[in-house]
C-alpha atoms as a PDB file:
ATOM      1  CA  MET A   1       0.003  -0.002   0.002  1.00  0.00           C
ATOM      2  CA  LYS A   2       1.313   3.439  -0.924  1.00  0.00           C
ATOM      3  CA  GLN A   3       2.078   5.925   1.829  1.00  0.00           C
ATOM      4  CA  PHE A   4       1.506   9.629   1.501  1.00  0.00           C
ATOM      5  CA  LEU A   5       2.893  12.600   3.401  1.00  0.00           C
ATOM      6  CA  SER A   6       1.382  16.015   4.101  1.00  0.00           C
ATOM      7  CA  VAL A   7       2.994  19.350   3.346  1.00  0.00           C
ATOM      8  CA  ASN A   8       3.991  19.744   7.004  1.00  0.00           C
ATOM      9  CA  GLU A   9       5.564  16.289   7.128  1.00  0.00           C
ATOM     10  CA  VAL A  10       7.619  16.957   3.982  1.00  0.00           C
ATOM     11  CA  ALA A  11       8.637  20.381   5.296  1.00  0.00           C
ATOM     12  CA  GLU A  12       9.868  18.785   8.520  1.00  0.00           C
ATOM     13  CA  LEU A  13      11.659  16.029   6.612  1.00  0.00           C
ATOM     14  CA  LEU A  14      13.477  18.565   4.408  1.00  0.00           C
ATOM     15  CA  SER A  15      13.992  21.113   7.229  1.00  0.00           C
ATOM     16  CA  VAL A  16      12.214  23.923   5.378  1.00  0.00           C
ATOM     17  CA  ASN A  17       9.170  26.096   6.008  1.00  0.00           C
ATOM     18  CA  PRO A  18       5.844  24.649   4.781  1.00  0.00           C
ATOM     19  CA  MET A  19       5.426  27.737   2.565  1.00  0.00           C
ATOM     20  CA  THR A  20       8.589  26.661   0.725  1.00  0.00           C
ATOM     21  CA  ILE A  21       6.954  23.305  -0.011  1.00  0.00           C
ATOM     22  CA  TYR A  22       3.874  25.073  -1.418  1.00  0.00           C
ATOM     23  CA  LYS A  23       6.115  27.243  -3.628  1.00  0.00           C
ATOM     24  CA  TRP A  24       8.048  24.195  -4.868  1.00  0.00           C
ATOM     25  CA  CYS A  25       4.764  22.445  -5.695  1.00  0.00           C
ATOM     26  CA  LYS A  26       3.419  25.463  -7.567  1.00  0.00           C
ATOM     27  CA  SER A  27       6.634  25.759  -9.592  1.00  0.00           C
ATOM     28  CA  GLY A  28       6.697  22.018 -10.368  1.00  0.00           C
ATOM     29  CA  LYS A  29       9.850  21.281  -8.380  1.00  0.00           C
ATOM     30  CA  LEU A  30       8.217  18.571  -6.254  1.00  0.00           C
ATOM     31  CA  PRO A  31       6.043  15.694  -7.474  1.00  0.00           C
ATOM     32  CA  HIS A  32       2.717  15.817  -5.664  1.00  0.00           C
ATOM     33  CA  TYR A  33      -0.987  15.065  -5.834  1.00  0.00           C
ATOM     34  CA  THR A  34      -3.693  17.663  -5.311  1.00  0.00           C
ATOM     35  CA  ILE A  35      -6.879  16.268  -3.811  1.00  0.00           C
ATOM     36  CA  GLY A  36     -10.124  18.197  -3.939  1.00  0.00           C
ATOM     37  CA  GLY A  37      -8.384  21.234  -5.368  1.00  0.00           C
ATOM     38  CA  SER A  38      -6.622  22.192  -2.158  1.00  0.00           C
ATOM     39  CA  VAL A  39      -5.138  19.227  -0.268  1.00  0.00           C
ATOM     40  CA  ILE A  40      -1.584  18.371  -1.301  1.00  0.00           C
ATOM     41  CA  ARG A  41      -0.077  14.949  -0.645  1.00  0.00           C
ATOM     42  CA  PHE A  42       3.265  13.386  -1.560  1.00  0.00           C
ATOM     43  CA  ASP A  43       3.883   9.746  -2.482  1.00  0.00           C
ATOM     44  CA  THR A  44       6.817   8.678  -0.312  1.00  0.00           C
ATOM     45  CA  GLU A  45       8.413   6.607  -3.093  1.00  0.00           C
ATOM     46  CA  GLN A  46       8.184   9.374  -5.700  1.00  0.00           C
ATOM     47  CA  LEU A  47       9.481  11.933  -3.220  1.00  0.00           C
ATOM     48  CA  ALA A  48      12.453   9.751  -2.251  1.00  0.00           C
ATOM     49  CA  LYS A  49      13.392   9.210  -5.921  1.00  0.00           C
ATOM     50  CA  HIS A  50      13.078  12.920  -6.630  1.00  0.00           C
ATOM     51  CA  ILE A  51      15.257  13.889  -3.671  1.00  0.00           C
ATOM     52  CA  GLU A  52      17.804  11.224  -4.524  1.00  0.00           C
ATOM     53  CA  GLY A  53      17.989  12.511  -8.099  1.00  0.00           C
ATOM     54  CA  ALA A  54      18.383  16.100  -6.925  1.00  0.00           C
ATOM     55  CA  ILE A  55      21.243  15.134  -4.606  1.00  0.00           C
ATOM     56  CA  LYS A  56      23.116  13.341  -7.398  1.00  0.00           C
ATOM     57  CA  LYS A  57      23.091  16.441  -9.646  1.00  0.00           C
END
């Protein structure tokens, strides 16, 4: 079963402000799902791959 994280959980994980996460989502820098037009969730597997790829650059 897939696991999903909230904006606050990702912000804590990456040690940034939640507003930064919203900005990164809006600009397309983070893979995410928008539910009901306002709720943002992150697939843990996709997020891990994205972060890993960003670190390798």
